[in-house]
Amino acid sequence: MTGPLVYVRLLGDRREIEAITKTWEREVIDRGERMKRWASFLVRMMDRGVRSLVYVNNHYAGHAPATVRRLKALFLEAAGVTPPA
């Protein structure tokens, strides 16, 4: 890495997901293992003091807001942080 910023884009495959759904109300593809790897990577970047921006669209897993919540939970877990109840 050579810069002060990491920019991650979780975009997915439009054709793949649109063959499964045409509505974007829930995740329809389990990207859990990939997201765990991204969460670990983002924690490593945080530990190095590198700011990270993550962009997620609906085509990644089916519902971007749910994917963001899931990635946040995985990130906190990887960072060893217990989320508030």
Protein backbone atom coordinates (compact mmCIF):
# COMPACT_ATOMS: atom_id res chain seq x y z
CA MET A 1 0.00 0.00 0.00
CA THR A 2 1.37 3.38 -0.93
CA GLY A 3 -1.25 5.94 0.07
CA PRO A 4 -2.94 7.28 3.19
CA LEU A 5 -6.36 5.92 2.22
CA VAL A 6 -7.95 2.58 1.36
CA TYR A 7 -11.06 2.60 -0.82
CA VAL A 8 -12.96 -0.71 -1.01
CA ARG A 9 -15.83 -1.26 -3.43
CA LEU A 10 -18.09 -4.26 -2.84
CA LEU A 11 -20.05 -4.30 -6.08
CA GLY A 12 -21.02 -7.86 -6.98
CA ASP A 13 -22.13 -9.28 -10.29
CA ARG A 14 -25.28 -7.64 -11.65
CA ARG A 15 -26.29 -10.57 -13.86
CA GLU A 16 -25.72 -13.13 -11.12
CA ILE A 17 -27.81 -11.37 -8.52
CA GLU A 18 -30.54 -10.21 -10.88
CA ALA A 19 -31.03 -13.87 -11.85
CA ILE A 20 -31.89 -14.45 -8.18
CA THR A 21 -33.88 -11.33 -7.31
CA LYS A 22 -35.28 -8.13 -8.74
CA THR A 23 -35.99 -6.59 -5.34
CA TRP A 24 -33.36 -5.29 -2.96
CA GLU A 25 -34.95 -5.90 0.43
CA ARG A 26 -32.64 -8.60 1.85
CA GLU A 27 -29.34 -10.32 1.26
CA VAL A 28 -29.79 -13.27 -1.10
CA ILE A 29 -26.15 -14.31 -1.53
CA ASP A 30 -24.05 -15.25 1.48
CA ARG A 31 -20.79 -13.32 1.20
CA GLY A 32 -19.88 -14.04 4.83
CA GLU A 33 -16.45 -15.57 4.24
CA ARG A 34 -15.39 -12.82 1.86
CA MET A 35 -16.67 -10.20 4.24
CA LYS A 36 -14.70 -11.74 7.12
CA ARG A 37 -11.56 -11.37 5.03
CA TRP A 38 -12.44 -7.77 4.21
CA ALA A 39 -13.12 -7.06 7.88
CA SER A 40 -9.72 -8.47 8.86
CA PHE A 41 -8.05 -6.41 6.15
CA LEU A 42 -9.81 -3.25 7.33
CA VAL A 43 -8.73 -3.90 10.92
CA ARG A 44 -5.12 -4.26 9.74
CA MET A 45 -5.42 -0.95 7.92
CA MET A 46 -6.90 0.69 11.03
CA ASP A 47 -4.03 -0.67 13.12
CA ARG A 48 -1.61 0.99 10.69
CA GLY A 49 -3.46 4.28 10.99
CA VAL A 50 -4.84 4.11 7.46
CA ARG A 51 -8.31 5.54 6.90
CA SER A 52 -10.64 3.21 5.00
CA LEU A 53 -13.76 3.97 3.00
CA VAL A 54 -16.06 1.15 1.96
CA TYR A 55 -18.72 1.40 -0.73
CA VAL A 56 -21.34 -1.36 -1.01
CA ASN A 57 -24.08 -1.67 -3.60
CA ASN A 58 -27.12 -3.92 -3.72
CA HIS A 59 -25.55 -6.20 -6.31
CA TYR A 60 -22.94 -7.45 -3.84
CA ALA A 61 -25.30 -9.56 -1.71
CA GLY A 62 -28.80 -8.25 -2.38
CA HIS A 63 -29.32 -5.42 0.13
CA ALA A 64 -26.57 -2.88 0.69
CA PRO A 65 -27.78 -1.64 4.11
CA ALA A 66 -27.83 -5.20 5.49
CA THR A 67 -24.40 -5.84 4.01
CA VAL A 68 -23.02 -2.71 5.67
CA ARG A 69 -24.46 -3.76 9.04
CA ARG A 70 -22.98 -7.23 8.62
CA LEU A 71 -19.56 -5.89 7.63
CA LYS A 72 -19.60 -3.52 10.60
CA ALA A 73 -20.34 -6.41 12.98
CA LEU A 74 -17.57 -8.51 11.42
CA PHE A 75 -15.17 -5.57 11.63
CA LEU A 76 -15.92 -5.01 15.32
CA GLU A 77 -15.49 -8.73 15.98
CA ALA A 78 -12.16 -8.81 14.13
CA ALA A 79 -11.05 -5.72 16.07
CA GLY A 80 -11.99 -7.37 19.36
CA VAL A 81 -14.65 -4.79 20.16
CA THR A 82 -17.91 -5.81 21.81
CA PRO A 83 -20.75 -3.80 20.28
CA PRO A 84 -23.09 -2.04 22.71
CA ALA A 85 -26.26 -3.91 23.58
